[in-house]
Amino acid sequence: GIPFANGEKHLAVEVEDHPLDYADFEGIIPKGQYGGG
């Protein structure tokens, strides 16, 4: 998750680019699909 304490560092693993429309995506990714959940 997001670090809150000044100087706190969290690992961030870069993944594939997503379309801008993904910013509104909220719901279910079907089981068996990439990122299902």
Full PDB file with SEQRES, HELIX, SHEET, SSBOND, CRYST1, ORIGX, SCALE, CONECT and MASTER records, all heavy atoms in Angstrom:
SEQRES   1 A   37  GLY ILE PRO PHE ALA ASN GLY GLU LYS HIS LEU ALA VAL          
SEQRES   2 A   37  GLU VAL GLU ASP HIS PRO LEU ASP TYR ALA ASP PHE GLU          
SEQRES   3 A   37  GLY ILE ILE PRO LYS GLY GLN TYR GLY GLY GLY                  
HELIX    1 AA1 LEU A   20  ASP A   24  5                                   5    
CRYST1    1.000    1.000    1.000  90.00  90.00  90.00 P 1           1          
ORIGX1      1.000000  0.000000  0.000000        0.00000                         
ORIGX2      0.000000  1.000000  0.000000        0.00000                         
ORIGX3      0.000000  0.000000  1.000000        0.00000                         
SCALE1      1.000000  0.000000  0.000000        0.00000                         
SCALE2      0.000000  1.000000  0.000000        0.00000                         
SCALE3      0.000000  0.000000  1.000000        0.00000                         
ATOM      1  N   GLY A   1       0.803  -1.212   0.000  1.00  0.00           N  
ATOM      2  CA  GLY A   1       0.000   0.000   0.000  1.00  0.00           C  
ATOM      3  C   GLY A   1       0.839   1.266   0.000  1.00  0.00           C  
ATOM      4  O   GLY A   1       2.064   1.235  -0.095  1.00  0.00           O  
ATOM      5  N   ILE A   2       0.171   2.395   0.132  1.00  0.00           N  
ATOM      6  CA  ILE A   2       0.819   3.697   0.031  1.00  0.00           C  
ATOM      7  C   ILE A   2       1.556   4.034   1.324  1.00  0.00           C  
ATOM      8  O   ILE A   2       0.965   3.933   2.407  1.00  0.00           O  
ATOM      9  CB  ILE A   2      -0.225   4.789  -0.283  1.00  0.00           C  
ATOM     10  CG1 ILE A   2      -1.077   4.382  -1.487  1.00  0.00           C  
ATOM     11  CG2 ILE A   2       0.457   6.136  -0.522  1.00  0.00           C  
ATOM     12  CD1 ILE A   2      -0.293   4.092  -2.741  1.00  0.00           C  
ATOM     13  N   PRO A   3       2.814   4.466   1.250  1.00  0.00           N  
ATOM     14  CA  PRO A   3       3.532   4.882   2.461  1.00  0.00           C  
ATOM     15  C   PRO A   3       3.053   6.250   2.946  1.00  0.00           C  
ATOM     16  O   PRO A   3       2.775   7.136   2.132  1.00  0.00           O  
ATOM     17  CB  PRO A   3       4.990   4.928   1.999  1.00  0.00           C  
ATOM     18  CG  PRO A   3       4.922   5.186   0.529  1.00  0.00           C  
ATOM     19  CD  PRO A   3       3.667   4.516   0.057  1.00  0.00           C  
ATOM     20  N   PHE A   4       3.000   6.436   4.268  1.00  0.00           N  
ATOM     21  CA  PHE A   4       2.534   7.690   4.844  1.00  0.00           C  
ATOM     22  C   PHE A   4       3.612   8.422   5.639  1.00  0.00           C  
ATOM     23  O   PHE A   4       3.586   9.642   5.733  1.00  0.00           O  
ATOM     24  CB  PHE A   4       1.326   7.435   5.749  1.00  0.00           C  
ATOM     25  CG  PHE A   4       0.082   7.021   5.011  1.00  0.00           C  
ATOM     26  CD1 PHE A   4      -0.238   5.675   4.849  1.00  0.00           C  
ATOM     27  CD2 PHE A   4      -0.761   7.970   4.461  1.00  0.00           C  
ATOM     28  CE1 PHE A   4      -1.383   5.293   4.165  1.00  0.00           C  
ATOM     29  CE2 PHE A   4      -1.904   7.599   3.777  1.00  0.00           C  
ATOM     30  CZ  PHE A   4      -2.219   6.260   3.623  1.00  0.00           C  
ATOM     31  N   ALA A   5       4.548   7.690   6.235  1.00  0.00           N  
ATOM     32  CA  ALA A   5       5.604   8.318   7.034  1.00  0.00           C  
ATOM     33  C   ALA A   5       6.674   8.896   6.120  1.00  0.00           C  
ATOM     34  O   ALA A   5       7.049   8.272   5.112  1.00  0.00           O  
ATOM     35  CB  ALA A   5       6.220   7.297   7.986  1.00  0.00           C  
ATOM     36  N   ASN A   6       7.166  10.084   6.426  1.00  0.00           N  
ATOM     37  CA  ASN A   6       8.169  10.730   5.588  1.00  0.00           C  
ATOM     38  C   ASN A   6       9.408   9.841   5.468  1.00  0.00           C  
ATOM     39  O   ASN A   6       9.952   9.371   6.465  1.00  0.00           O  
ATOM     40  CB  ASN A   6       8.561  12.084   6.180  1.00  0.00           C  
ATOM     41  CG  ASN A   6       9.375  12.913   5.200  1.00  0.00           C  
ATOM     42  OD1 ASN A   6       9.022  13.007   4.027  1.00  0.00           O  
ATOM     43  ND2 ASN A   6      10.458  13.499   5.657  1.00  0.00           N  
ATOM     44  N   GLY A   7       9.831   9.581   4.228  1.00  0.00           N  
ATOM     45  CA  GLY A   7      10.986   8.738   3.975  1.00  0.00           C  
ATOM     46  C   GLY A   7      10.666   7.256   3.896  1.00  0.00           C  
ATOM     47  O   GLY A   7      11.528   6.453   3.518  1.00  0.00           O  
ATOM     48  N   GLU A   8       9.430   6.856   4.239  1.00  0.00           N  
ATOM     49  CA  GLU A   8       9.029   5.441   4.167  1.00  0.00           C  
ATOM     50  C   GLU A   8       8.988   4.989   2.714  1.00  0.00           C  
ATOM     51  O   GLU A   8       8.492   5.698   1.838  1.00  0.00           O  
ATOM     52  CB  GLU A   8       7.670   5.259   4.830  1.00  0.00           C  
ATOM     53  CG  GLU A   8       7.174   3.825   4.888  1.00  0.00           C  
ATOM     54  CD  GLU A   8       5.806   3.699   5.530  1.00  0.00           C  
ATOM     55  OE1 GLU A   8       5.205   4.753   5.854  1.00  0.00           O  
ATOM     56  OE2 GLU A   8       5.337   2.561   5.709  1.00  0.00           O  
ATOM     57  N   LYS A   9       9.503   3.790   2.447  1.00  0.00           N  
ATOM     58  CA  LYS A   9       9.585   3.267   1.080  1.00  0.00           C  
ATOM     59  C   LYS A   9       8.851   1.939   0.980  1.00  0.00           C  
ATOM     60  O   LYS A   9       9.021   1.071   1.832  1.00  0.00           O  
ATOM     61  CB  LYS A   9      11.045   3.060   0.665  1.00  0.00           C  
ATOM     62  CG  LYS A   9      11.941   4.277   0.796  1.00  0.00           C  
ATOM     63  CD  LYS A   9      13.359   3.926   0.406  1.00  0.00           C  
ATOM     64  CE  LYS A   9      14.302   5.105   0.573  1.00  0.00           C  
ATOM     65  NZ  LYS A   9      14.569   5.418   1.993  1.00  0.00           N  
ATOM     66  N   HIS A  10       8.037   1.795  -0.065  1.00  0.00           N  
ATOM     67  CA  HIS A  10       7.358   0.537  -0.343  1.00  0.00           C  
ATOM     68  C   HIS A  10       7.711   0.073  -1.748  1.00  0.00           C  
ATOM     69  O   HIS A  10       7.775   0.893  -2.675  1.00  0.00           O  
ATOM     70  CB  HIS A  10       5.843   0.695  -0.223  1.00  0.00           C  
ATOM     71  CG  HIS A  10       5.358   0.837   1.183  1.00  0.00           C  
ATOM     72  ND1 HIS A  10       4.022   0.991   1.501  1.00  0.00           N  
ATOM     73  CD2 HIS A  10       6.008   0.830   2.375  1.00  0.00           C  
ATOM     74  CE1 HIS A  10       3.892   1.098   2.820  1.00  0.00           C  
ATOM     75  NE2 HIS A  10       5.091   0.997   3.365  1.00  0.00           N  
ATOM     76  N   LEU A  11       7.912  -1.214  -1.902  1.00  0.00           N  
ATOM     77  CA  LEU A  11       8.188  -1.775  -3.213  1.00  0.00           C  
ATOM     78  C   LEU A  11       7.000  -1.528  -4.145  1.00  0.00           C  
ATOM     79  O   LEU A  11       5.840  -1.732  -3.772  1.00  0.00           O  
ATOM     80  CB  LEU A  11       8.440  -3.280  -3.099  1.00  0.00           C  
ATOM     81  CG  LEU A  11       8.667  -4.023  -4.422  1.00  0.00           C  
ATOM     82  CD1 LEU A  11       9.962  -3.580  -5.078  1.00  0.00           C  
ATOM     83  CD2 LEU A  11       8.660  -5.529  -4.188  1.00  0.00           C  
ATOM     84  N   ALA A  12       7.305  -1.098  -5.376  1.00  0.00           N  
ATOM     85  CA  ALA A  12       6.284  -0.869  -6.402  1.00  0.00           C  
ATOM     86  C   ALA A  12       6.752  -1.580  -7.670  1.00  0.00           C  
ATOM     87  O   ALA A  12       7.777  -1.204  -8.254  1.00  0.00           O  
ATOM     88  CB  ALA A  12       6.086   0.617  -6.654  1.00  0.00           C  
ATOM     89  N   VAL A  13       6.025  -2.613  -8.082  1.00  0.00           N  
ATOM     90  CA  VAL A  13       6.415  -3.413  -9.234  1.00  0.00           C  
ATOM     91  C   VAL A  13       5.663  -2.907 -10.458  1.00  0.00           C  
ATOM     92  O   VAL A  13       4.426  -2.951 -10.516  1.00  0.00           O  
ATOM     93  CB  VAL A  13       6.112  -4.905  -9.007  1.00  0.00           C  
ATOM     94  CG1 VAL A  13       6.533  -5.726 -10.219  1.00  0.00           C  
ATOM     95  CG2 VAL A  13       6.819  -5.404  -7.745  1.00  0.00           C  
ATOM     96  N   GLU A  14       6.422  -2.402 -11.442  1.00  0.00           N  
ATOM     97  CA  GLU A  14       5.769  -1.859 -12.638  1.00  0.00           C  
ATOM     98  C   GLU A  14       5.135  -2.989 -13.438  1.00  0.00           C  
ATOM     99  O   GLU A  14       5.741  -4.039 -13.663  1.00  0.00           O  
ATOM    100  CB  GLU A  14       6.766  -1.101 -13.504  1.00  0.00           C  
ATOM    101  CG  GLU A  14       6.102  -0.353 -14.649  1.00  0.00           C  
ATOM    102  CD  GLU A  14       7.016   0.609 -15.364  1.00  0.00           C  
ATOM    103  OE1 GLU A  14       8.258   0.521 -15.177  1.00  0.00           O  
ATOM    104  OE2 GLU A  14       6.505   1.462 -16.114  1.00  0.00           O  
ATOM    105  N   VAL A  15       3.893  -2.759 -13.857  1.00  0.00           N  
ATOM    106  CA  VAL A  15       3.154  -3.732 -14.665  1.00  0.00           C  
ATOM    107  C   VAL A  15       2.785  -3.067 -15.986  1.00  0.00           C  
ATOM    108  O   VAL A  15       3.195  -1.942 -16.268  1.00  0.00           O  
ATOM    109  CB  VAL A  15       1.897  -4.234 -13.921  1.00  0.00           C  
ATOM    110  CG1 VAL A  15       2.300  -4.981 -12.655  1.00  0.00           C  
ATOM    111  CG2 VAL A  15       0.952  -3.084 -13.581  1.00  0.00           C  
ATOM    112  N   GLU A  16       2.013  -3.750 -16.803  1.00  0.00           N  
ATOM    113  CA  GLU A  16       1.679  -3.232 -18.125  1.00  0.00           C  
ATOM    114  C   GLU A  16       0.861  -1.939 -18.036  1.00  0.00           C  
ATOM    115  O   GLU A  16       0.124  -1.719 -17.068  1.00  0.00           O  
ATOM    116  CB  GLU A  16       0.901  -4.280 -18.933  1.00  0.00           C  
ATOM    117  CG  GLU A  16      -0.548  -4.517 -18.505  1.00  0.00           C  
ATOM    118  CD  GLU A  16      -0.696  -5.464 -17.329  1.00  0.00           C  
ATOM    119  OE1 GLU A  16       0.329  -5.860 -16.738  1.00  0.00           O  
ATOM    120  OE2 GLU A  16      -1.844  -5.802 -17.001  1.00  0.00           O  
ATOM    121  N   ASP A  17       1.015  -1.074 -19.048  1.00  0.00           N  
ATOM    122  CA  ASP A  17       0.203   0.131 -19.126  1.00  0.00           C  
ATOM    123  C   ASP A  17      -1.270  -0.241 -19.254  1.00  0.00           C  
ATOM    124  O   ASP A  17      -1.622  -1.266 -19.849  1.00  0.00           O  
ATOM    125  CB  ASP A  17       0.612   0.976 -20.337  1.00  0.00           C  
ATOM    126  CG  ASP A  17       2.053   1.457 -20.260  1.00  0.00           C  
ATOM    127  OD1 ASP A  17       2.591   1.520 -19.148  1.00  0.00           O  
ATOM    128  OD2 ASP A  17       2.631   1.767 -21.323  1.00  0.00           O  
ATOM    129  N   HIS A  18      -2.140   0.602 -18.698  1.00  0.00           N  
ATOM    130  CA  HIS A  18      -3.587   0.404 -18.770  1.00  0.00           C  
ATOM    131  C   HIS A  18      -4.234   1.578 -19.515  1.00  0.00           C  
ATOM    132  O   HIS A  18      -3.697   2.693 -19.496  1.00  0.00           O  
ATOM    133  CB  HIS A  18      -4.179   0.308 -17.358  1.00  0.00           C  
ATOM    134  CG  HIS A  18      -3.939  -1.010 -16.696  1.00  0.00           C  
ATOM    135  ND1 HIS A  18      -2.692  -1.590 -16.598  1.00  0.00           N  
ATOM    136  CD2 HIS A  18      -4.798  -1.875 -16.075  1.00  0.00           C  
ATOM    137  CE1 HIS A  18      -2.787  -2.748 -15.959  1.00  0.00           C  
ATOM    138  NE2 HIS A  18      -4.055  -2.942 -15.632  1.00  0.00           N  
ATOM    139  N   PRO A  19      -5.397   1.358 -20.148  1.00  0.00           N  
ATOM    140  CA  PRO A  19      -6.089   2.470 -20.821  1.00  0.00           C  
ATOM    141  C   PRO A  19      -6.631   3.468 -19.805  1.00  0.00           C  
ATOM    142  O   PRO A  19      -6.897   3.118 -18.649  1.00  0.00           O  
ATOM    143  CB  PRO A  19      -7.222   1.773 -21.580  1.00  0.00           C  
ATOM    144  CG  PRO A  19      -7.452   0.488 -20.855  1.00  0.00           C  
ATOM    145  CD  PRO A  19      -6.110   0.072 -20.318  1.00  0.00           C  
ATOM    146  N   LEU A  20      -6.814   4.712 -20.249  1.00  0.00           N  
ATOM    147  CA  LEU A  20      -7.311   5.751 -19.349  1.00  0.00           C  
ATOM    148  C   LEU A  20      -8.672   5.396 -18.772  1.00  0.00           C  
ATOM    149  O   LEU A  20      -8.985   5.736 -17.625  1.00  0.00           O  
ATOM    150  CB  LEU A  20      -7.398   7.087 -20.085  1.00  0.00           C  
ATOM    151  CG  LEU A  20      -6.074   7.702 -20.556  1.00  0.00           C  
ATOM    152  CD1 LEU A  20      -6.327   9.061 -21.216  1.00  0.00           C  
ATOM    153  CD2 LEU A  20      -5.089   7.855 -19.402  1.00  0.00           C  
ATOM    154  N   ASP A  21      -9.489   4.691 -19.546  1.00  0.00           N  
ATOM    155  CA  ASP A  21     -10.819   4.308 -19.067  1.00  0.00           C  
ATOM    156  C   ASP A  21     -10.754   3.398 -17.844  1.00  0.00           C  
ATOM    157  O   ASP A  21     -11.744   3.239 -17.125  1.00  0.00           O  
ATOM    158  CB  ASP A  21     -11.616   3.605 -20.171  1.00  0.00           C  
ATOM    159  CG  ASP A  21     -12.102   4.566 -21.234  1.00  0.00           C  
ATOM    160  OD1 ASP A  21     -12.057   5.791 -20.988  1.00  0.00           O  
ATOM    161  OD2 ASP A  21     -12.515   4.112 -22.315  1.00  0.00           O  
ATOM    162  N   TYR A  22      -9.605   2.800 -17.597  1.00  0.00           N  
ATOM    163  CA  TYR A  22      -9.476   1.896 -16.457  1.00  0.00           C  
ATOM    164  C   TYR A  22      -9.585   2.639 -15.128  1.00  0.00           C  
ATOM    165  O   TYR A  22      -9.848   2.036 -14.085  1.00  0.00           O  
ATOM    166  CB  TYR A  22      -8.142   1.156 -16.517  1.00  0.00           C  
ATOM    167  CG  TYR A  22      -8.186  -0.226 -15.903  1.00  0.00           C  
ATOM    168  CD1 TYR A  22      -8.412  -1.346 -16.698  1.00  0.00           C  
ATOM    169  CD2 TYR A  22      -8.017  -0.416 -14.541  1.00  0.00           C  
ATOM    170  CE1 TYR A  22      -8.470  -2.617 -16.151  1.00  0.00           C  
ATOM    171  CE2 TYR A  22      -8.075  -1.682 -13.979  1.00  0.00           C  
ATOM    172  CZ  TYR A  22      -8.311  -2.775 -14.781  1.00  0.00           C  
ATOM    173  OH  TYR A  22      -8.382  -4.023 -14.231  1.00  0.00           O  
ATOM    174  N   ALA A  23      -9.398   3.951 -15.164  1.00  0.00           N  
ATOM    175  CA  ALA A  23      -9.473   4.743 -13.931  1.00  0.00           C  
ATOM    176  C   ALA A  23     -10.839   4.646 -13.275  1.00  0.00           C  
ATOM    177  O   ALA A  23     -10.966   4.828 -12.061  1.00  0.00           O  
ATOM    178  CB  ALA A  23      -9.138   6.204 -14.220  1.00  0.00           C  
ATOM    179  N   ASP A  24     -11.881   4.342 -14.035  1.00  0.00           N  
ATOM    180  CA  ASP A  24     -13.235   4.226 -13.497  1.00  0.00           C  
ATOM    181  C   ASP A  24     -13.623   2.783 -13.180  1.00  0.00           C  
ATOM    182  O   ASP A  24     -14.747   2.526 -12.749  1.00  0.00           O  
ATOM    183  CB  ASP A  24     -14.253   4.770 -14.500  1.00  0.00           C  
ATOM    184  CG  ASP A  24     -14.195   6.275 -14.596  1.00  0.00           C  
ATOM    185  OD1 ASP A  24     -13.920   6.929 -13.580  1.00  0.00           O  
ATOM    186  OD2 ASP A  24     -14.412   6.807 -15.695  1.00  0.00           O  
ATOM    187  N   PHE A  25     -12.725   1.853 -13.423  1.00  0.00           N  
ATOM    188  CA  PHE A  25     -13.098   0.447 -13.271  1.00  0.00           C  
ATOM    189  C   PHE A  25     -13.190   0.056 -11.807  1.00  0.00           C  
ATOM    190  O   PHE A  25     -12.228   0.183 -11.047  1.00  0.00           O  
ATOM    191  CB  PHE A  25     -12.101  -0.465 -13.982  1.00  0.00           C  
ATOM    192  CG  PHE A  25     -12.464  -1.916 -13.879  1.00  0.00           C  
ATOM    193  CD1 PHE A  25     -13.423  -2.467 -14.711  1.00  0.00           C  
ATOM    194  CD2 PHE A  25     -11.879  -2.734 -12.926  1.00  0.00           C  
ATOM    195  CE1 PHE A  25     -13.788  -3.804 -14.604  1.00  0.00           C  
ATOM    196  CE2 PHE A  25     -12.227  -4.074 -12.811  1.00  0.00           C  
ATOM    197  CZ  PHE A  25     -13.182  -4.606 -13.649  1.00  0.00           C  
ATOM    198  N   GLU A  26     -14.350  -0.451 -11.436  1.00  0.00           N  
ATOM    199  CA  GLU A  26     -14.589  -0.968 -10.088  1.00  0.00           C  
ATOM    200  C   GLU A  26     -15.566  -2.116 -10.194  1.00  0.00           C  
ATOM    201  O   GLU A  26     -16.643  -1.968 -10.757  1.00  0.00           O  
ATOM    202  CB  GLU A  26     -15.155   0.113  -9.177  1.00  0.00           C  
ATOM    203  CG  GLU A  26     -15.426  -0.362  -7.760  1.00  0.00           C  
ATOM    204  CD  GLU A  26     -15.806   0.781  -6.832  1.00  0.00           C  
ATOM    205  OE1 GLU A  26     -14.924   1.570  -6.470  1.00  0.00           O  
ATOM    206  OE2 GLU A  26     -16.999   0.879  -6.487  1.00  0.00           O  
ATOM    207  N   GLY A  27     -15.191  -3.264  -9.676  1.00  0.00           N  
ATOM    208  CA  GLY A  27     -16.089  -4.409  -9.756  1.00  0.00           C  
ATOM    209  C   GLY A  27     -15.325  -5.706  -9.696  1.00  0.00           C  
ATOM    210  O   GLY A  27     -14.362  -5.833  -8.938  1.00  0.00           O  
ATOM    211  N   ILE A  28     -15.755  -6.668 -10.505  1.00  0.00           N  
ATOM    212  CA  ILE A  28     -15.209  -8.017 -10.442  1.00  0.00           C  
ATOM    213  C   ILE A  28     -14.499  -8.367 -11.738  1.00  0.00           C  
ATOM    214  O   ILE A  28     -15.056  -8.197 -12.818  1.00  0.00           O  
ATOM    215  CB  ILE A  28     -16.325  -9.051 -10.197  1.00  0.00           C  
ATOM    216  CG1 ILE A  28     -17.111  -8.693  -8.930  1.00  0.00           C  
ATOM    217  CG2 ILE A  28     -15.746 -10.463 -10.089  1.00  0.00           C  
ATOM    218  CD1 ILE A  28     -16.288  -8.689  -7.674  1.00  0.00           C  
ATOM    219  N   ILE A  29     -13.269  -8.860 -11.625  1.00  0.00           N  
ATOM    220  CA  ILE A  29     -12.593  -9.521 -12.740  1.00  0.00           C  
ATOM    221  C   ILE A  29     -12.848 -11.014 -12.549  1.00  0.00           C  
ATOM    222  O   ILE A  29     -12.565 -11.564 -11.483  1.00  0.00           O  
ATOM    223  CB  ILE A  29     -11.079  -9.230 -12.735  1.00  0.00           C  
ATOM    224  CG1 ILE A  29     -10.827  -7.724 -12.856  1.00  0.00           C  
ATOM    225  CG2 ILE A  29     -10.389  -9.976 -13.883  1.00  0.00           C  
ATOM    226  CD1 ILE A  29      -9.367  -7.340 -12.721  1.00  0.00           C  
ATOM    227  N   PRO A  30     -13.426 -11.680 -13.556  1.00  0.00           N  
ATOM    228  CA  PRO A  30     -13.831 -13.079 -13.370  1.00  0.00           C  
ATOM    229  C   PRO A  30     -12.674 -13.997 -12.963  1.00  0.00           C  
ATOM    230  O   PRO A  30     -11.526 -13.797 -13.358  1.00  0.00           O  
ATOM    231  CB  PRO A  30     -14.374 -13.470 -14.750  1.00  0.00           C  
ATOM    232  CG  PRO A  30     -14.751 -12.180 -15.388  1.00  0.00           C  
ATOM    233  CD  PRO A  30     -13.764 -11.173 -14.889  1.00  0.00           C  
ATOM    234  N   LYS A  31     -13.004 -14.991 -12.165  1.00  0.00           N  
ATOM    235  CA  LYS A  31     -12.036 -15.998 -11.752  1.00  0.00           C  
ATOM    236  C   LYS A  31     -11.491 -16.698 -12.990  1.00  0.00           C  
ATOM    237  O   LYS A  31     -12.225 -17.045 -13.906  1.00  0.00           O  
ATOM    238  CB  LYS A  31     -12.713 -17.018 -10.822  1.00  0.00           C  
ATOM    239  CG  LYS A  31     -11.752 -18.034 -10.228  1.00  0.00           C  
ATOM    240  CD  LYS A  31     -12.486 -18.964  -9.265  1.00  0.00           C  
ATOM    241  CE  LYS A  31     -11.520 -19.981  -8.664  1.00  0.00           C  
ATOM    242  NZ  LYS A  31     -12.204 -20.899  -7.714  1.00  0.00           N  
ATOM    243  N   GLY A  32     -10.198 -16.903 -13.015  1.00  0.00           N  
ATOM    244  CA  GLY A  32      -9.559 -17.538 -14.168  1.00  0.00           C  
ATOM    245  C   GLY A  32      -8.997 -16.537 -15.150  1.00  0.00           C  
ATOM    246  O   GLY A  32      -8.166 -16.885 -15.992  1.00  0.00           O  
ATOM    247  N   GLN A  33      -9.442 -15.281 -15.054  1.00  0.00           N  
ATOM    248  CA  GLN A  33      -8.889 -14.218 -15.888  1.00  0.00           C  
ATOM    249  C   GLN A  33      -7.683 -13.593 -15.194  1.00  0.00           C  
ATOM    250  O   GLN A  33      -7.526 -13.688 -13.971  1.00  0.00           O  
ATOM    251  CB  GLN A  33      -9.951 -13.152 -16.154  1.00  0.00           C  
ATOM    252  CG  GLN A  33     -11.055 -13.595 -17.081  1.00  0.00           C  
ATOM    253  CD  GLN A  33     -10.542 -13.870 -18.483  1.00  0.00           C  
ATOM    254  OE1 GLN A  33     -10.098 -12.977 -19.187  1.00  0.00           O  
ATOM    255  NE2 GLN A  33     -10.578 -15.137 -18.877  1.00  0.00           N  
ATOM    256  N   TYR A  34      -6.832 -12.948 -15.965  1.00  0.00           N  
ATOM    257  CA  TYR A  34      -5.659 -12.281 -15.419  1.00  0.00           C  
ATOM    258  C   TYR A  34      -6.089 -11.255 -14.365  1.00  0.00           C  
ATOM    259  O   TYR A  34      -6.927 -10.397 -14.632  1.00  0.00           O  
ATOM    260  CB  TYR A  34      -4.901 -11.585 -16.546  1.00  0.00           C  
ATOM    261  CG  TYR A  34      -3.709 -10.769 -16.093  1.00  0.00           C  
ATOM    262  CD1 TYR A  34      -2.535 -11.388 -15.682  1.00  0.00           C  
ATOM    263  CD2 TYR A  34      -3.771  -9.384 -16.090  1.00  0.00           C  
ATOM    264  CE1 TYR A  34      -1.445 -10.644 -15.277  1.00  0.00           C  
ATOM    265  CE2 TYR A  34      -2.679  -8.630 -15.685  1.00  0.00           C  
ATOM    266  CZ  TYR A  34      -1.516  -9.266 -15.281  1.00  0.00           C  
ATOM    267  OH  TYR A  34      -0.441  -8.516 -14.867  1.00  0.00           O  
ATOM    268  N   GLY A  35      -5.544 -11.384 -13.154  1.00  0.00           N  
ATOM    269  CA  GLY A  35      -5.913 -10.449 -12.089  1.00  0.00           C  
ATOM    270  C   GLY A  35      -7.281 -10.705 -11.505  1.00  0.00           C  
ATOM    271  O   GLY A  35      -7.860  -9.816 -10.866  1.00  0.00           O  
ATOM    272  N   GLY A  36      -7.819 -11.900 -11.698  1.00  0.00           N  
ATOM    273  CA  GLY A  36      -9.168 -12.209 -11.221  1.00  0.00           C  
ATOM    274  C   GLY A  36      -9.367 -11.874  -9.749  1.00  0.00           C  
ATOM    275  O   GLY A  36      -8.546 -12.227  -8.908  1.00  0.00           O  
ATOM    276  N   GLY A  37     -10.466 -11.182  -9.438  1.00  0.00           N  
ATOM    277  CA  GLY A  37     -10.755 -10.783  -8.067  1.00  0.00           C  
ATOM    278  C   GLY A  37     -11.550  -9.496  -8.021  1.00  0.00           C  
ATOM    279  O   GLY A  37     -12.131  -9.062  -9.021  1.00  0.00           O  
TER     280      GLY A  37                                                      
MASTER        0    0    0    1    0    0    0    6  279    1    0    3          
END                                                                             
